[in-house]
Amino acid sequence: MKNLAKIKICGLRREEDIQYVNEYRPDYIGFILSKGFRRTVTKEQAAHLRSLLSPPIIPVGVFVNEDIERVIELVQEGVIDVVQLHGDEDENYIKQLRENTKEITIIKAIKIANADDVKSGLQSSADYLLFDKRSENQVGGTGTAFDWNLIKDVKRPFFLAGGIGLENVNRALEATNPYGIDVSSGVETDGCKDKAKIKEIINTIRNAKALIV
């Protein structure tokens, strides 16, 4: 049996970005809602962009060690439908999110450098994991790939992130069989989302076939 990987385009911050995804229809899009990152948007910007987003594209809020009350507020106000935790959030943080939001879907980013990182990450109670490369000097996404062999035997659904673009997305699908592919810098030119690259990577992923393990 075969299945297509879901697609998440992360780091949207302009009305043009929303126009691009509305046209090519990834499954998810991401807003960076913690301060201090190049692609950060405010609550007001995210709410406006979300109002322009065509259903059924799912808006994800990406947070790095964010005050939990702010995350809960953004969920309760309908700015985002999914929470992605990209920092050091623990099981208690996830428990509090579930207790204070209605059936929220949670993605937990796991930074990978070795097999122990994978083993530890698999203990998370999040609905989905997101595997990215570990960097000792950087929080949030790294934009670079890690050794995909480390996750080849993972059975639970996960997103694959980190340095994925048109040049390696087919290899990523074949090597890891992810639930979803998460791209950001791989569909940018000069720091902005590129319509042609979004179109091409979405078409590439949807034309690829990933085995269900």
N, C-alpha and C. Protein backbone atom coordinates (compact mmCIF):
# COMPACT_ATOMS: atom_id res chain seq x y z
N MET A 1 0.84 -1.19 0.00
CA MET A 1 0.00 0.00 0.00
C MET A 1 0.88 1.24 0.00
N LYS A 2 0.46 2.28 -0.74
CA LYS A 2 1.28 3.47 -0.85
C LYS A 2 0.49 4.72 -0.49
N ASN A 3 1.24 5.74 -0.06
CA ASN A 3 0.61 6.96 0.40
C ASN A 3 1.49 8.14 0.04
N LEU A 4 0.89 9.31 -0.07
CA LEU A 4 1.65 10.52 -0.33
C LEU A 4 1.93 11.25 0.96
N ALA A 5 3.12 11.80 1.09
CA ALA A 5 3.47 12.58 2.27
C ALA A 5 2.70 13.88 2.29
N LYS A 6 2.32 14.31 3.49
CA LYS A 6 1.74 15.64 3.67
C LYS A 6 2.82 16.69 3.44
N ILE A 7 2.37 17.92 3.17
CA ILE A 7 3.31 19.00 2.87
C ILE A 7 3.03 20.18 3.78
N LYS A 8 4.08 20.68 4.42
CA LYS A 8 3.97 21.89 5.26
C LYS A 8 4.97 22.92 4.75
N ILE A 9 4.46 24.10 4.43
CA ILE A 9 5.31 25.23 4.03
C ILE A 9 5.36 26.16 5.23
N CYS A 10 6.54 26.35 5.80
CA CYS A 10 6.66 27.09 7.05
C CYS A 10 7.26 28.48 6.82
N GLY A 11 6.99 29.36 7.78
CA GLY A 11 7.59 30.69 7.75
C GLY A 11 6.90 31.68 6.84
N LEU A 12 5.58 31.56 6.68
CA LEU A 12 4.85 32.52 5.85
C LEU A 12 4.69 33.83 6.59
N ARG A 13 4.85 34.96 5.86
CA ARG A 13 4.75 36.26 6.54
C ARG A 13 4.22 37.38 5.65
N ARG A 14 3.90 37.08 4.39
CA ARG A 14 3.39 38.11 3.48
C ARG A 14 2.08 37.65 2.86
N GLU A 15 1.29 38.61 2.40
CA GLU A 15 0.06 38.25 1.70
C GLU A 15 0.37 37.45 0.44
N GLU A 16 1.50 37.76 -0.21
CA GLU A 16 1.87 37.00 -1.41
C GLU A 16 2.11 35.53 -1.07
N ASP A 17 2.67 35.27 0.10
CA ASP A 17 2.91 33.88 0.51
C ASP A 17 1.59 33.11 0.60
N ILE A 18 0.58 33.78 1.14
CA ILE A 18 -0.73 33.15 1.26
C ILE A 18 -1.33 32.90 -0.12
N GLN A 19 -1.15 33.85 -1.02
CA GLN A 19 -1.64 33.67 -2.39
C GLN A 19 -1.00 32.44 -3.03
N TYR A 20 0.30 32.26 -2.81
CA TYR A 20 1.01 31.11 -3.40
C TYR A 20 0.45 29.80 -2.87
N VAL A 21 0.29 29.71 -1.54
CA VAL A 21 -0.18 28.43 -0.98
C VAL A 21 -1.65 28.19 -1.31
N ASN A 22 -2.43 29.26 -1.40
CA ASN A 22 -3.83 29.07 -1.80
C ASN A 22 -3.93 28.48 -3.20
N GLU A 23 -2.95 28.82 -4.04
CA GLU A 23 -2.98 28.31 -5.41
C GLU A 23 -2.51 26.85 -5.49
N TYR A 24 -1.49 26.50 -4.70
CA TYR A 24 -0.89 25.18 -4.86
C TYR A 24 -1.24 24.20 -3.73
N ARG A 25 -1.88 24.67 -2.69
CA ARG A 25 -2.55 23.84 -1.68
C ARG A 25 -1.67 22.82 -0.96
N PRO A 26 -0.69 23.27 -0.19
CA PRO A 26 -0.06 22.32 0.74
C PRO A 26 -1.09 21.93 1.81
N ASP A 27 -0.76 20.94 2.60
CA ASP A 27 -1.67 20.49 3.65
C ASP A 27 -1.63 21.40 4.87
N TYR A 28 -0.45 21.92 5.17
CA TYR A 28 -0.23 22.78 6.33
C TYR A 28 0.62 23.98 5.93
N ILE A 29 0.44 25.08 6.66
CA ILE A 29 1.38 26.21 6.58
C ILE A 29 1.76 26.60 8.01
N GLY A 30 2.91 27.24 8.15
CA GLY A 30 3.37 27.61 9.48
C GLY A 30 3.63 29.09 9.64
N PHE A 31 3.19 29.63 10.77
CA PHE A 31 3.52 31.00 11.18
C PHE A 31 4.48 30.92 12.36
N ILE A 32 5.62 31.62 12.28
CA ILE A 32 6.57 31.69 13.38
C ILE A 32 6.06 32.77 14.34
N LEU A 33 5.66 32.36 15.53
CA LEU A 33 4.98 33.29 16.44
C LEU A 33 5.79 33.60 17.70
N SER A 34 7.01 33.12 17.79
CA SER A 34 7.91 33.53 18.86
C SER A 34 8.84 34.63 18.34
N LYS A 35 9.20 35.54 19.22
CA LYS A 35 10.01 36.69 18.82
C LYS A 35 11.46 36.29 18.53
N GLY A 36 12.10 37.13 17.72
CA GLY A 36 13.54 37.01 17.54
C GLY A 36 14.00 36.22 16.34
N PHE A 37 13.08 35.83 15.46
CA PHE A 37 13.45 35.06 14.27
C PHE A 37 13.14 35.87 13.02
N ARG A 38 13.88 35.60 11.96
CA ARG A 38 13.73 36.40 10.74
C ARG A 38 12.32 36.32 10.17
N ARG A 39 11.66 35.19 10.34
CA ARG A 39 10.33 35.03 9.77
C ARG A 39 9.20 35.25 10.79
N THR A 40 9.52 35.80 11.95
CA THR A 40 8.52 36.01 12.98
C THR A 40 7.42 36.94 12.51
N VAL A 41 6.17 36.58 12.84
CA VAL A 41 5.03 37.47 12.62
C VAL A 41 4.34 37.70 13.96
N THR A 42 3.64 38.84 14.06
CA THR A 42 2.90 39.14 15.27
C THR A 42 1.57 38.38 15.25
N LYS A 43 0.91 38.39 16.39
CA LYS A 43 -0.42 37.81 16.48
C LYS A 43 -1.36 38.45 15.46
N GLU A 44 -1.29 39.77 15.34
CA GLU A 44 -2.17 40.49 14.43
C GLU A 44 -1.88 40.13 12.98
N GLN A 45 -0.60 40.04 12.64
CA GLN A 45 -0.23 39.65 11.27
C GLN A 45 -0.71 38.23 10.97
N ALA A 46 -0.50 37.33 11.91
CA ALA A 46 -0.92 35.93 11.70
C ALA A 46 -2.43 35.84 11.53
N ALA A 47 -3.18 36.60 12.35
CA ALA A 47 -4.64 36.56 12.24
C ALA A 47 -5.10 37.08 10.88
N HIS A 48 -4.44 38.12 10.40
CA HIS A 48 -4.80 38.65 9.08
C HIS A 48 -4.47 37.64 7.98
N LEU A 49 -3.28 37.07 8.04
CA LEU A 49 -2.89 36.10 7.02
C LEU A 49 -3.79 34.87 7.08
N ARG A 50 -4.14 34.44 8.27
CA ARG A 50 -5.04 33.29 8.40
C ARG A 50 -6.40 33.59 7.77
N SER A 51 -6.86 34.84 7.88
CA SER A 51 -8.16 35.20 7.30
C SER A 51 -8.15 35.10 5.79
N LEU A 52 -6.97 35.15 5.18
CA LEU A 52 -6.83 35.05 3.72
C LEU A 52 -6.60 33.61 3.26
N LEU A 53 -6.36 32.71 4.21
CA LEU A 53 -5.97 31.34 3.88
C LEU A 53 -7.18 30.51 3.49
N SER A 54 -7.04 29.79 2.39
CA SER A 54 -8.14 28.94 1.92
C SER A 54 -8.19 27.63 2.71
N PRO A 55 -9.39 27.24 3.16
CA PRO A 55 -9.52 25.89 3.70
C PRO A 55 -9.40 24.90 2.55
N PRO A 56 -8.95 23.68 2.78
CA PRO A 56 -8.67 23.07 4.09
C PRO A 56 -7.21 23.17 4.53
N ILE A 57 -6.44 24.15 4.04
CA ILE A 57 -5.05 24.30 4.49
C ILE A 57 -5.05 24.62 5.98
N ILE A 58 -4.22 23.92 6.75
CA ILE A 58 -4.23 24.00 8.20
C ILE A 58 -3.12 24.94 8.68
N PRO A 59 -3.47 26.00 9.44
CA PRO A 59 -2.45 26.91 9.95
C PRO A 59 -1.82 26.41 11.25
N VAL A 60 -0.50 26.37 11.27
CA VAL A 60 0.27 25.89 12.41
C VAL A 60 1.01 27.07 13.03
N GLY A 61 0.95 27.19 14.34
CA GLY A 61 1.75 28.18 15.04
C GLY A 61 3.01 27.55 15.57
N VAL A 62 4.16 28.15 15.24
CA VAL A 62 5.46 27.60 15.64
C VAL A 62 6.01 28.45 16.79
N PHE A 63 6.37 27.79 17.89
CA PHE A 63 6.79 28.47 19.10
C PHE A 63 8.10 27.89 19.61
N VAL A 64 8.92 28.76 20.19
CA VAL A 64 10.18 28.33 20.80
C VAL A 64 10.20 28.84 22.24
N ASN A 65 9.99 27.93 23.19
CA ASN A 65 10.01 28.27 24.61
C ASN A 65 9.10 29.46 24.93
N GLU A 66 7.92 29.44 24.35
CA GLU A 66 6.97 30.55 24.48
C GLU A 66 6.18 30.44 25.78
N ASP A 67 5.80 31.59 26.33
CA ASP A 67 4.89 31.60 27.47
C ASP A 67 3.62 30.84 27.10
N ILE A 68 3.26 29.85 27.90
CA ILE A 68 2.17 28.96 27.52
C ILE A 68 0.84 29.68 27.43
N GLU A 69 0.66 30.72 28.21
CA GLU A 69 -0.60 31.46 28.16
C GLU A 69 -0.80 32.12 26.80
N ARG A 70 0.28 32.57 26.21
CA ARG A 70 0.18 33.18 24.88
C ARG A 70 -0.19 32.13 23.83
N VAL A 71 0.37 30.95 23.92
CA VAL A 71 0.05 29.87 22.99
C VAL A 71 -1.44 29.51 23.11
N ILE A 72 -1.90 29.36 24.34
CA ILE A 72 -3.30 29.02 24.58
C ILE A 72 -4.21 30.11 24.01
N GLU A 73 -3.85 31.36 24.20
CA GLU A 73 -4.64 32.47 23.68
C GLU A 73 -4.77 32.41 22.17
N LEU A 74 -3.68 32.15 21.48
CA LEU A 74 -3.70 32.10 20.01
C LEU A 74 -4.56 30.94 19.50
N VAL A 75 -4.56 29.84 20.24
CA VAL A 75 -5.42 28.71 19.87
C VAL A 75 -6.88 29.07 20.12
N GLN A 76 -7.17 29.59 21.31
CA GLN A 76 -8.55 29.89 21.67
C GLN A 76 -9.17 30.96 20.78
N GLU A 77 -8.35 31.87 20.28
CA GLU A 77 -8.85 32.94 19.41
C GLU A 77 -8.92 32.51 17.94
N GLY A 78 -8.53 31.27 17.66
CA GLY A 78 -8.67 30.75 16.31
C GLY A 78 -7.64 31.24 15.32
N VAL A 79 -6.52 31.76 15.81
CA VAL A 79 -5.46 32.21 14.91
C VAL A 79 -4.74 31.01 14.29
N ILE A 80 -4.60 29.94 15.07
CA ILE A 80 -3.93 28.72 14.61
C ILE A 80 -4.75 27.50 15.00
N ASP A 81 -4.57 26.42 14.26
CA ASP A 81 -5.28 25.16 14.54
C ASP A 81 -4.37 24.07 15.08
N VAL A 82 -3.07 24.25 14.91
CA VAL A 82 -2.07 23.27 15.36
C VAL A 82 -0.94 24.03 16.04
N VAL A 83 -0.39 23.44 17.10
CA VAL A 83 0.74 24.03 17.81
C VAL A 83 1.99 23.19 17.53
N GLN A 84 3.06 23.87 17.10
CA GLN A 84 4.36 23.21 16.91
C GLN A 84 5.34 23.78 17.92
N LEU A 85 5.90 22.92 18.74
CA LEU A 85 6.82 23.32 19.80
C LEU A 85 8.24 23.03 19.35
N HIS A 86 9.05 24.07 19.25
CA HIS A 86 10.38 23.91 18.66
C HIS A 86 11.50 24.23 19.64
N GLY A 87 11.15 24.26 20.94
CA GLY A 87 12.17 24.57 21.93
C GLY A 87 12.37 23.43 22.92
N ASP A 88 12.44 23.79 24.20
CA ASP A 88 12.72 22.81 25.25
C ASP A 88 11.45 22.44 26.03
N GLU A 89 10.31 22.59 25.40
CA GLU A 89 9.03 22.32 26.09
C GLU A 89 8.97 20.85 26.52
N ASP A 90 8.53 20.63 27.77
CA ASP A 90 8.51 19.27 28.31
C ASP A 90 7.10 18.69 28.32
N GLU A 91 6.97 17.51 28.92
CA GLU A 91 5.67 16.83 28.96
C GLU A 91 4.64 17.60 29.77
N ASN A 92 5.08 18.30 30.80
CA ASN A 92 4.14 19.11 31.58
C ASN A 92 3.57 20.24 30.74
N TYR A 93 4.40 20.84 29.91
CA TYR A 93 3.96 21.90 28.99
C TYR A 93 2.89 21.36 28.04
N ILE A 94 3.14 20.20 27.47
CA ILE A 94 2.17 19.58 26.55
C ILE A 94 0.87 19.26 27.30
N LYS A 95 0.99 18.75 28.52
CA LYS A 95 -0.19 18.42 29.32
C LYS A 95 -1.03 19.67 29.57
N GLN A 96 -0.39 20.77 29.91
CA GLN A 96 -1.13 22.01 30.16
C GLN A 96 -1.82 22.51 28.89
N LEU A 97 -1.15 22.37 27.77
CA LEU A 97 -1.78 22.78 26.50
C LEU A 97 -3.06 21.98 26.25
N ARG A 98 -2.98 20.70 26.47
CA ARG A 98 -4.15 19.85 26.22
C ARG A 98 -5.29 20.18 27.19
N GLU A 99 -4.94 20.51 28.41
CA GLU A 99 -5.96 20.80 29.41
C GLU A 99 -6.66 22.13 29.16
N ASN A 100 -6.00 23.03 28.46
CA ASN A 100 -6.53 24.38 28.28
C ASN A 100 -6.97 24.70 26.85
N THR A 101 -6.91 23.72 25.97
CA THR A 101 -7.38 23.90 24.60
C THR A 101 -8.23 22.69 24.23
N LYS A 102 -9.09 22.86 23.27
CA LYS A 102 -10.00 21.77 22.90
C LYS A 102 -9.41 20.96 21.75
N GLU A 103 -8.97 19.76 22.06
CA GLU A 103 -8.51 18.80 21.05
C GLU A 103 -7.44 19.40 20.11
N ILE A 104 -6.53 20.17 20.68
CA ILE A 104 -5.48 20.76 19.85
C ILE A 104 -4.50 19.68 19.39
N THR A 105 -4.05 19.78 18.15
CA THR A 105 -3.01 18.89 17.64
C THR A 105 -1.66 19.51 17.95
N ILE A 106 -0.75 18.71 18.47
CA ILE A 106 0.56 19.20 18.89
C ILE A 106 1.66 18.48 18.13
N ILE A 107 2.56 19.25 17.55
CA ILE A 107 3.77 18.74 16.90
C ILE A 107 4.95 19.12 17.78
N LYS A 108 5.80 18.17 18.11
CA LYS A 108 7.00 18.47 18.91
C LYS A 108 8.23 18.24 18.08
N ALA A 109 9.03 19.30 17.93
CA ALA A 109 10.28 19.21 17.19
C ALA A 109 11.33 18.50 18.04
N ILE A 110 12.00 17.54 17.44
CA ILE A 110 13.07 16.78 18.09
C ILE A 110 14.36 17.05 17.32
N LYS A 111 15.34 17.61 18.02
CA LYS A 111 16.62 17.92 17.38
C LYS A 111 17.52 16.68 17.40
N ILE A 112 18.01 16.31 16.23
CA ILE A 112 18.70 15.04 16.06
C ILE A 112 20.19 15.24 15.77
N ALA A 113 21.01 14.58 16.59
CA ALA A 113 22.44 14.48 16.30
C ALA A 113 22.91 13.04 16.36
N ASN A 114 22.17 12.20 17.13
CA ASN A 114 22.57 10.80 17.31
C ASN A 114 21.35 9.96 17.65
N ALA A 115 21.56 8.66 17.78
CA ALA A 115 20.46 7.73 18.03
C ALA A 115 19.78 7.99 19.37
N ASP A 116 20.53 8.48 20.36
CA ASP A 116 19.94 8.77 21.66
C ASP A 116 18.89 9.88 21.56
N ASP A 117 19.14 10.85 20.68
CA ASP A 117 18.16 11.93 20.48
C ASP A 117 16.84 11.36 19.94
N VAL A 118 16.95 10.42 19.03
CA VAL A 118 15.75 9.79 18.47
C VAL A 118 15.02 9.02 19.56
N LYS A 119 15.73 8.22 20.31
CA LYS A 119 15.12 7.41 21.36
C LYS A 119 14.41 8.28 22.38
N SER A 120 15.04 9.37 22.78
CA SER A 120 14.43 10.29 23.74
C SER A 120 13.19 10.95 23.15
N GLY A 121 13.29 11.39 21.90
CA GLY A 121 12.17 12.07 21.26
C GLY A 121 10.94 11.20 21.12
N LEU A 122 11.14 9.92 20.94
CA LEU A 122 10.01 9.01 20.75
C LEU A 122 9.16 8.86 22.01
N GLN A 123 9.66 9.34 23.14
CA GLN A 123 8.89 9.28 24.38
C GLN A 123 7.86 10.40 24.46
N SER A 124 7.93 11.37 23.57
CA SER A 124 7.01 12.52 23.62
C SER A 124 5.57 12.08 23.40
N SER A 125 4.65 12.73 24.11
CA SER A 125 3.22 12.45 23.96
C SER A 125 2.56 13.31 22.89
N ALA A 126 3.35 14.10 22.16
CA ALA A 126 2.80 14.92 21.08
C ALA A 126 2.13 14.04 20.03
N ASP A 127 1.21 14.63 19.28
CA ASP A 127 0.53 13.88 18.23
C ASP A 127 1.48 13.50 17.10
N TYR A 128 2.37 14.43 16.76
CA TYR A 128 3.37 14.19 15.72
C TYR A 128 4.71 14.68 16.22
N LEU A 129 5.77 14.03 15.78
CA LEU A 129 7.12 14.52 15.97
C LEU A 129 7.56 15.25 14.71
N LEU A 130 8.52 16.14 14.86
CA LEU A 130 9.16 16.78 13.71
C LEU A 130 10.66 16.66 13.94
N PHE A 131 11.33 15.91 13.08
CA PHE A 131 12.76 15.70 13.22
C PHE A 131 13.54 16.75 12.45
N ASP A 132 14.47 17.39 13.15
CA ASP A 132 15.31 18.43 12.57
C ASP A 132 16.73 18.22 13.09
N LYS A 133 17.67 18.90 12.50
CA LYS A 133 19.06 18.74 12.90
C LYS A 133 19.35 19.51 14.18
N ARG A 134 20.09 18.88 15.07
CA ARG A 134 20.50 19.56 16.30
C ARG A 134 21.67 20.50 16.01
N SER A 135 21.59 21.71 16.56
CA SER A 135 22.70 22.66 16.52
C SER A 135 22.87 23.24 17.91
N GLU A 136 24.08 23.16 18.43
CA GLU A 136 24.33 23.64 19.79
C GLU A 136 24.23 25.15 19.88
N ASN A 137 24.35 25.83 18.76
CA ASN A 137 24.40 27.29 18.78
C ASN A 137 23.15 27.95 18.22
N GLN A 138 22.11 27.17 17.95
CA GLN A 138 20.94 27.73 17.29
C GLN A 138 19.67 27.08 17.80
N VAL A 139 18.67 27.92 18.11
CA VAL A 139 17.35 27.43 18.44
C VAL A 139 16.47 27.57 17.20
N GLY A 140 15.32 26.88 17.22
CA GLY A 140 14.47 26.90 16.03
C GLY A 140 15.05 26.02 14.95
N GLY A 141 14.57 26.18 13.72
CA GLY A 141 15.03 25.36 12.61
C GLY A 141 16.44 25.71 12.18
N THR A 142 17.15 24.71 11.67
CA THR A 142 18.54 24.94 11.29
C THR A 142 18.72 25.16 9.79
N GLY A 143 17.79 24.65 8.98
CA GLY A 143 17.93 24.77 7.54
C GLY A 143 18.97 23.84 6.95
N THR A 144 19.43 22.87 7.75
CA THR A 144 20.41 21.89 7.25
C THR A 144 19.94 20.49 7.62
N ALA A 145 20.35 19.51 6.83
CA ALA A 145 19.90 18.13 7.01
C ALA A 145 20.76 17.40 8.03
N PHE A 146 20.18 16.36 8.62
CA PHE A 146 20.92 15.46 9.50
C PHE A 146 21.00 14.09 8.83
N ASP A 147 21.57 13.13 9.51
CA ASP A 147 21.71 11.77 8.98
C ASP A 147 20.36 11.06 9.05
N TRP A 148 19.69 10.94 7.92
CA TRP A 148 18.35 10.35 7.90
C TRP A 148 18.34 8.87 8.27
N ASN A 149 19.47 8.22 8.22
CA ASN A 149 19.52 6.81 8.65
C ASN A 149 19.14 6.65 10.11
N LEU A 150 19.29 7.71 10.89
CA LEU A 150 18.96 7.64 12.31
C LEU A 150 17.47 7.44 12.57
N ILE A 151 16.62 7.78 11.59
CA ILE A 151 15.18 7.68 11.82
C ILE A 151 14.49 6.69 10.86
N LYS A 152 15.28 5.89 10.18
CA LYS A 152 14.70 5.00 9.16
C LYS A 152 13.77 3.95 9.74
N ASP A 153 13.91 3.65 11.03
CA ASP A 153 13.07 2.62 11.65
C ASP A 153 11.96 3.18 12.52
N VAL A 154 11.77 4.50 12.50
CA VAL A 154 10.72 5.11 13.31
C VAL A 154 9.35 4.73 12.75
N LYS A 155 8.47 4.25 13.61
CA LYS A 155 7.16 3.77 13.17
C LYS A 155 6.06 4.81 13.34
N ARG A 156 6.17 5.69 14.31
CA ARG A 156 5.09 6.66 14.54
C ARG A 156 5.19 7.81 13.54
N PRO A 157 4.07 8.49 13.27
CA PRO A 157 4.08 9.52 12.22
C PRO A 157 4.93 10.74 12.60
N PHE A 158 5.71 11.21 11.64
CA PHE A 158 6.57 12.37 11.89
C PHE A 158 6.72 13.23 10.64
N PHE A 159 7.03 14.49 10.89
CA PHE A 159 7.42 15.40 9.83
C PHE A 159 8.95 15.40 9.74
N LEU A 160 9.45 15.53 8.53
CA LEU A 160 10.89 15.65 8.33
C LEU A 160 11.21 17.08 7.93
N ALA A 161 12.15 17.70 8.64
CA ALA A 161 12.55 19.08 8.37
C ALA A 161 14.08 19.14 8.30
N GLY A 162 14.56 20.31 7.90
CA GLY A 162 16.00 20.54 7.91
C GLY A 162 16.65 20.40 6.55
N GLY A 163 16.80 21.51 5.87
CA GLY A 163 17.56 21.51 4.63
C GLY A 163 16.92 20.75 3.48
N ILE A 164 15.60 20.65 3.46
CA ILE A 164 14.94 19.93 2.38
C ILE A 164 14.53 20.91 1.28
N GLY A 165 14.91 20.56 0.05
CA GLY A 165 14.58 21.38 -1.11
C GLY A 165 14.38 20.49 -2.32
N LEU A 166 14.29 21.12 -3.46
CA LEU A 166 14.02 20.38 -4.70
C LEU A 166 15.12 19.37 -5.00
N GLU A 167 16.35 19.66 -4.57
CA GLU A 167 17.47 18.79 -4.93
C GLU A 167 17.51 17.49 -4.13
N ASN A 168 16.81 17.43 -2.99
CA ASN A 168 16.92 16.23 -2.17
C ASN A 168 15.59 15.70 -1.63
N VAL A 169 14.46 16.30 -2.03
CA VAL A 169 13.19 15.88 -1.43
C VAL A 169 12.83 14.44 -1.81
N ASN A 170 13.14 14.01 -3.02
CA ASN A 170 12.85 12.62 -3.38
C ASN A 170 13.67 11.64 -2.55
N ARG A 171 14.93 11.96 -2.32
CA ARG A 171 15.77 11.10 -1.48
C ARG A 171 15.24 11.08 -0.04
N ALA A 172 14.76 12.23 0.43
CA ALA A 172 14.20 12.31 1.78
C ALA A 172 12.99 11.39 1.92
N LEU A 173 12.12 11.41 0.93
CA LEU A 173 10.93 10.56 0.97
C LEU A 173 11.30 9.08 0.95
N GLU A 174 12.24 8.73 0.11
CA GLU A 174 12.65 7.33 -0.01
C GLU A 174 13.37 6.83 1.25
N ALA A 175 14.18 7.72 1.85
CA ALA A 175 15.01 7.30 2.97
C ALA A 175 14.26 7.21 4.29
N THR A 176 13.19 8.00 4.44
CA THR A 176 12.58 8.12 5.76
C THR A 176 11.10 7.79 5.83
N ASN A 177 10.38 7.78 4.71
CA ASN A 177 8.95 7.52 4.70
C ASN A 177 8.20 8.38 5.73
N PRO A 178 8.27 9.71 5.63
CA PRO A 178 7.65 10.56 6.63
C PRO A 178 6.15 10.68 6.45
N TYR A 179 5.48 11.05 7.54
CA TYR A 179 4.08 11.46 7.43
C TYR A 179 4.00 12.76 6.64
N GLY A 180 4.96 13.66 6.89
CA GLY A 180 4.95 14.95 6.20
C GLY A 180 6.35 15.50 6.00
N ILE A 181 6.46 16.37 5.01
CA ILE A 181 7.70 17.10 4.73
C ILE A 181 7.48 18.56 5.09
N ASP A 182 8.43 19.12 5.84
CA ASP A 182 8.34 20.52 6.27
C ASP A 182 9.46 21.31 5.58
N VAL A 183 9.07 22.31 4.79
CA VAL A 183 10.07 23.11 4.08
C VAL A 183 9.87 24.59 4.36
N SER A 184 10.96 25.32 4.35
CA SER A 184 10.90 26.77 4.53
C SER A 184 11.94 27.44 3.63
N SER A 185 13.21 27.40 4.05
CA SER A 185 14.25 28.04 3.24
C SER A 185 14.39 27.38 1.88
N GLY A 186 14.01 26.11 1.77
CA GLY A 186 14.12 25.39 0.50
C GLY A 186 13.18 25.88 -0.57
N VAL A 187 12.18 26.71 -0.19
CA VAL A 187 11.28 27.29 -1.19
C VAL A 187 11.37 28.81 -1.16
N GLU A 188 12.58 29.31 -0.85
CA GLU A 188 12.80 30.76 -0.82
C GLU A 188 13.88 31.17 -1.81
N THR A 189 13.80 32.41 -2.26
CA THR A 189 14.84 33.06 -3.04
C THR A 189 15.09 34.42 -2.41
N ASP A 190 16.33 34.67 -2.05
CA ASP A 190 16.69 35.94 -1.39
C ASP A 190 15.85 36.20 -0.15
N GLY A 191 15.57 35.12 0.60
CA GLY A 191 14.89 35.27 1.87
C GLY A 191 13.39 35.38 1.82
N CYS A 192 12.80 35.28 0.63
CA CYS A 192 11.35 35.37 0.49
C CYS A 192 10.81 34.11 -0.19
N LYS A 193 9.60 33.74 0.16
CA LYS A 193 8.98 32.58 -0.46
C LYS A 193 8.89 32.80 -1.97
N ASP A 194 9.21 31.75 -2.71
CA ASP A 194 9.29 31.79 -4.17
C ASP A 194 8.15 30.95 -4.75
N LYS A 195 7.27 31.57 -5.49
CA LYS A 195 6.09 30.89 -6.01
C LYS A 195 6.45 29.68 -6.85
N ALA A 196 7.44 29.83 -7.73
CA ALA A 196 7.82 28.72 -8.61
C ALA A 196 8.38 27.54 -7.81
N LYS A 197 9.17 27.83 -6.78
CA LYS A 197 9.74 26.75 -5.96
C LYS A 197 8.65 26.04 -5.15
N ILE A 198 7.69 26.79 -4.64
CA ILE A 198 6.57 26.18 -3.92
C ILE A 198 5.80 25.25 -4.84
N LYS A 199 5.51 25.73 -6.03
CA LYS A 199 4.78 24.91 -7.00
C LYS A 199 5.56 23.63 -7.30
N GLU A 200 6.85 23.77 -7.54
CA GLU A 200 7.64 22.61 -7.96
C GLU A 200 7.79 21.59 -6.85
N ILE A 201 8.03 22.05 -5.63
CA ILE A 201 8.24 21.06 -4.56
C ILE A 201 6.94 20.36 -4.20
N ILE A 202 5.82 21.09 -4.25
CA ILE A 202 4.53 20.44 -3.98
C ILE A 202 4.22 19.41 -5.06
N ASN A 203 4.44 19.77 -6.31
CA ASN A 203 4.22 18.81 -7.39
C ASN A 203 5.13 17.60 -7.27
N THR A 204 6.38 17.84 -6.88
CA THR A 204 7.35 16.74 -6.72
C THR A 204 6.91 15.78 -5.62
N ILE A 205 6.50 16.31 -4.49
CA ILE A 205 6.09 15.46 -3.37
C ILE A 205 4.82 14.70 -3.73
N ARG A 206 3.88 15.36 -4.38
CA ARG A 206 2.62 14.69 -4.67
C ARG A 206 2.76 13.67 -5.79
N ASN A 207 3.80 13.78 -6.57
CA ASN A 207 4.03 12.79 -7.62
C ASN A 207 4.90 11.63 -7.12
N ALA A 208 5.47 11.80 -5.93
CA ALA A 208 6.30 10.74 -5.36
C ALA A 208 5.43 9.79 -4.56
N LYS A 209 5.86 8.58 -4.44
CA LYS A 209 5.13 7.57 -3.68
C LYS A 209 5.99 7.06 -2.55
N ALA A 210 5.47 7.22 -1.34
CA ALA A 210 6.21 6.77 -0.15
C ALA A 210 5.54 5.53 0.41
N LEU A 211 6.31 4.52 0.69
CA LEU A 211 5.78 3.29 1.27
C LEU A 211 5.30 3.52 2.69
N ILE A 212 4.14 2.98 3.00
CA ILE A 212 3.68 2.96 4.39
C ILE A 212 4.36 1.79 5.08
N VAL A 213 5.06 2.10 6.16
CA VAL A 213 5.77 1.04 6.89
C VAL A 213 4.79 0.30 7.79
